[in-house]
Amino acid sequence: MKKISMLVFACFAASGGANAAMNGMGGFTGGENVILTVEQVKNMNDNSKVWVEGAIIQKNGDETYMFQDSTGTIMVEIDDDAWHGLVVGPTDTVRIYGEVDHGLFNTEIDIDYIEKL
């Protein structure tokens, strides 16, 4: 049991404060976490962690939505469990945390966490 506890602690420590903050567990949020624009996200490397603010303007599929800020639109994938009971509409401003996913034909953001502002 002690080995499992140490392994869990080591994994948590290695994940960093930003991941802890994104998971609602608390942690350090200074320095690296900058709100980006959709335009900036489209030019970032695959798997880059991103924070963007704007609105979800439409649902496009089972877990895919169109997100918009002042610089443009981008597809986002929000798994059902990432909503945590949150309800938003096209007029609500949200902050989303996730990672860039460059596909064959488009770029999208895989959302880890969403919050209503």
C-alpha atoms as a PDB file:
ATOM      1  CA  MET A   1       0.000   0.000   0.000  1.00  0.00           C
ATOM      2  CA  LYS A   2       2.875   2.351   0.813  1.00  0.00           C
ATOM      3  CA  LYS A   3       4.359   1.787  -2.666  1.00  0.00           C
ATOM      4  CA  ILE A   4       1.067   2.687  -4.321  1.00  0.00           C
ATOM      5  CA  SER A   5       0.791   5.889  -2.280  1.00  0.00           C
ATOM      6  CA  MET A   6       4.330   6.875  -3.237  1.00  0.00           C
ATOM      7  CA  LEU A   7       3.614   6.122  -6.905  1.00  0.00           C
ATOM      8  CA  VAL A   8       0.462   8.274  -6.851  1.00  0.00           C
ATOM      9  CA  PHE A   9       2.363  11.106  -5.162  1.00  0.00           C
ATOM     10  CA  ALA A  10       5.212  10.865  -7.680  1.00  0.00           C
ATOM     11  CA  CYS A  11       2.786  10.981 -10.619  1.00  0.00           C
ATOM     12  CA  PHE A  12       1.000  13.992  -9.145  1.00  0.00           C
ATOM     13  CA  ALA A  13       4.250  15.822  -8.478  1.00  0.00           C
ATOM     14  CA  ALA A  14       5.488  15.110 -12.000  1.00  0.00           C
ATOM     15  CA  SER A  15       2.278  16.431 -13.544  1.00  0.00           C
ATOM     16  CA  GLY A  16       3.034  19.974 -12.345  1.00  0.00           C
ATOM     17  CA  GLY A  17       0.934  22.689 -10.816  1.00  0.00           C
ATOM     18  CA  ALA A  18      -0.736  23.718 -14.075  1.00  0.00           C
ATOM     19  CA  ASN A  19      -2.305  20.284 -14.437  1.00  0.00           C
ATOM     20  CA  ALA A  20      -3.375  20.358 -10.803  1.00  0.00           C
ATOM     21  CA  ALA A  21      -5.056  23.705 -11.325  1.00  0.00           C
ATOM     22  CA  MET A  22      -6.797  22.435 -14.464  1.00  0.00           C
ATOM     23  CA  ASN A  23      -8.131  19.436 -12.566  1.00  0.00           C
ATOM     24  CA  GLY A  24      -9.662  21.631  -9.872  1.00  0.00           C
ATOM     25  CA  MET A  25      -7.221  20.329  -7.281  1.00  0.00           C
ATOM     26  CA  GLY A  26      -5.406  23.633  -6.762  1.00  0.00           C
ATOM     27  CA  GLY A  27      -1.808  24.417  -7.517  1.00  0.00           C
ATOM     28  CA  PHE A  28       0.534  27.061  -8.859  1.00  0.00           C
ATOM     29  CA  THR A  29      -0.876  29.150 -11.708  1.00  0.00           C
ATOM     30  CA  GLY A  30       1.773  31.848 -12.209  1.00  0.00           C
ATOM     31  CA  GLY A  31       4.049  32.343 -15.156  1.00  0.00           C
ATOM     32  CA  GLU A  32       3.300  29.874 -17.913  1.00  0.00           C
ATOM     33  CA  ASN A  33      -0.493  30.101 -18.103  1.00  0.00           C
ATOM     34  CA  VAL A  34      -1.365  32.849 -20.561  1.00  0.00           C
ATOM     35  CA  ILE A  35      -4.739  33.302 -22.222  1.00  0.00           C
ATOM     36  CA  LEU A  36      -4.236  32.781 -25.951  1.00  0.00           C
ATOM     37  CA  THR A  37      -6.321  33.622 -28.999  1.00  0.00           C
ATOM     38  CA  VAL A  38      -7.743  31.177 -31.524  1.00  0.00           C
ATOM     39  CA  GLU A  39      -5.365  32.609 -34.122  1.00  0.00           C
ATOM     40  CA  GLN A  40      -2.368  31.869 -31.876  1.00  0.00           C
ATOM     41  CA  VAL A  41      -3.610  28.361 -31.089  1.00  0.00           C
ATOM     42  CA  LYS A  42      -3.803  27.456 -34.784  1.00  0.00           C
ATOM     43  CA  ASN A  43      -0.068  28.190 -35.115  1.00  0.00           C
ATOM     44  CA  MET A  44       1.057  26.259 -32.026  1.00  0.00           C
ATOM     45  CA  ASN A  45       2.712  22.853 -31.942  1.00  0.00           C
ATOM     46  CA  ASP A  46       0.616  19.713 -31.617  1.00  0.00           C
ATOM     47  CA  ASN A  47      -0.127  18.761 -27.981  1.00  0.00           C
ATOM     48  CA  SER A  48       0.678  22.277 -26.681  1.00  0.00           C
ATOM     49  CA  LYS A  49      -1.335  23.165 -23.572  1.00  0.00           C
ATOM     50  CA  VAL A  50      -3.592  26.162 -24.180  1.00  0.00           C
ATOM     51  CA  TRP A  51      -6.062  28.430 -22.352  1.00  0.00           C
ATOM     52  CA  VAL A  52      -8.550  30.424 -24.435  1.00  0.00           C
ATOM     53  CA  GLU A  53     -11.564  32.601 -23.644  1.00  0.00           C
ATOM     54  CA  GLY A  54     -14.590  33.098 -25.847  1.00  0.00           C
ATOM     55  CA  ALA A  55     -17.912  31.426 -26.578  1.00  0.00           C
ATOM     56  CA  ILE A  56     -19.111  28.040 -27.747  1.00  0.00           C
ATOM     57  CA  ILE A  57     -21.351  29.093 -30.605  1.00  0.00           C
ATOM     58  CA  GLN A  58     -22.700  25.771 -31.870  1.00  0.00           C
ATOM     59  CA  LYS A  59     -22.689  22.020 -31.430  1.00  0.00           C
ATOM     60  CA  ASN A  60     -21.320  20.147 -34.441  1.00  0.00           C
ATOM     61  CA  GLY A  61     -21.418  16.536 -33.314  1.00  0.00           C
ATOM     62  CA  ASP A  62     -21.550  14.228 -30.332  1.00  0.00           C
ATOM     63  CA  GLU A  63     -18.675  15.907 -28.450  1.00  0.00           C
ATOM     64  CA  THR A  64     -17.534  18.528 -30.974  1.00  0.00           C
ATOM     65  CA  TYR A  65     -18.373  22.219 -30.852  1.00  0.00           C
ATOM     66  CA  MET A  66     -17.423  25.449 -32.613  1.00  0.00           C
ATOM     67  CA  PHE A  67     -15.581  27.891 -30.338  1.00  0.00           C
ATOM     68  CA  GLN A  68     -15.146  31.571 -31.183  1.00  0.00           C
ATOM     69  CA  ASP A  69     -13.128  34.485 -29.862  1.00  0.00           C
ATOM     70  CA  SER A  70     -12.357  37.901 -31.366  1.00  0.00           C
ATOM     71  CA  THR A  71      -9.736  36.400 -33.731  1.00  0.00           C
ATOM     72  CA  GLY A  72     -11.683  33.525 -35.252  1.00  0.00           C
ATOM     73  CA  THR A  73     -13.205  30.094 -34.741  1.00  0.00           C
ATOM     74  CA  ILE A  74     -11.860  26.644 -33.986  1.00  0.00           C
ATOM     75  CA  MET A  75     -13.365  23.225 -33.383  1.00  0.00           C
ATOM     76  CA  VAL A  76     -13.171  21.938 -29.821  1.00  0.00           C
ATOM     77  CA  GLU A  77     -13.773  18.458 -28.472  1.00  0.00           C
ATOM     78  CA  ILE A  78     -15.350  18.370 -25.038  1.00  0.00           C
ATOM     79  CA  ASP A  79     -15.838  14.925 -23.529  1.00  0.00           C
ATOM     80  CA  ASP A  80     -19.064  14.557 -21.574  1.00  0.00           C
ATOM     81  CA  ASP A  81     -17.186  14.170 -18.272  1.00  0.00           C
ATOM     82  CA  ALA A  82     -15.321  17.491 -18.785  1.00  0.00           C
ATOM     83  CA  TRP A  83     -18.550  19.487 -18.422  1.00  0.00           C
ATOM     84  CA  HIS A  84     -18.954  18.656 -14.707  1.00  0.00           C
ATOM     85  CA  GLY A  85     -22.626  19.700 -14.898  1.00  0.00           C
ATOM     86  CA  LEU A  86     -21.884  23.114 -16.429  1.00  0.00           C
ATOM     87  CA  VAL A  87     -24.515  24.494 -18.827  1.00  0.00           C
ATOM     88  CA  VAL A  88     -23.535  27.227 -21.302  1.00  0.00           C
ATOM     89  CA  GLY A  89     -25.080  28.896 -24.325  1.00  0.00           C
ATOM     90  CA  PRO A  90     -23.714  30.896 -27.265  1.00  0.00           C
ATOM     91  CA  THR A  91     -23.931  34.169 -25.323  1.00  0.00           C
ATOM     92  CA  ASP A  92     -21.910  32.873 -22.344  1.00  0.00           C
ATOM     93  CA  THR A  93     -18.188  33.583 -22.069  1.00  0.00           C
ATOM     94  CA  VAL A  94     -16.116  30.546 -21.122  1.00  0.00           C
ATOM     95  CA  ARG A  95     -12.474  29.783 -20.458  1.00  0.00           C
ATOM     96  CA  ILE A  96     -11.311  26.451 -21.796  1.00  0.00           C
ATOM     97  CA  TYR A  97      -8.143  24.549 -20.987  1.00  0.00           C
ATOM     98  CA  GLY A  98      -6.861  21.860 -23.283  1.00  0.00           C
ATOM     99  CA  GLU A  99      -4.300  20.870 -25.839  1.00  0.00           C
ATOM    100  CA  VAL A 100      -3.818  21.524 -29.529  1.00  0.00           C
ATOM    101  CA  ASP A 101      -4.663  18.643 -31.857  1.00  0.00           C
ATOM    102  CA  HIS A 102      -3.504  19.091 -35.460  1.00  0.00           C
ATOM    103  CA  GLY A 103      -5.475  16.687 -37.611  1.00  0.00           C
ATOM    104  CA  LEU A 104      -5.102  15.876 -41.272  1.00  0.00           C
ATOM    105  CA  PHE A 105      -7.553  18.569 -42.389  1.00  0.00           C
ATOM    106  CA  ASN A 106      -8.024  20.881 -39.392  1.00  0.00           C
ATOM    107  CA  THR A 107      -6.771  21.957 -36.004  1.00  0.00           C
ATOM    108  CA  GLU A 108      -8.886  21.591 -32.894  1.00  0.00           C
ATOM    109  CA  ILE A 109      -8.536  21.822 -29.139  1.00  0.00           C
ATOM    110  CA  ASP A 110      -9.124  18.746 -26.979  1.00  0.00           C
ATOM    111  CA  ILE A 111     -10.646  20.219 -23.835  1.00  0.00           C
ATOM    112  CA  ASP A 112      -9.570  19.055 -20.386  1.00  0.00           C
ATOM    113  CA  TYR A 113     -11.576  21.602 -18.399  1.00  0.00           C
ATOM    114  CA  ILE A 114     -14.133  24.324 -19.072  1.00  0.00           C
ATOM    115  CA  GLU A 115     -15.396  27.113 -16.832  1.00  0.00           C
ATOM    116  CA  LYS A 116     -18.065  29.765 -17.251  1.00  0.00           C
ATOM    117  CA  LEU A 117     -16.866  33.331 -16.650  1.00  0.00           C
END
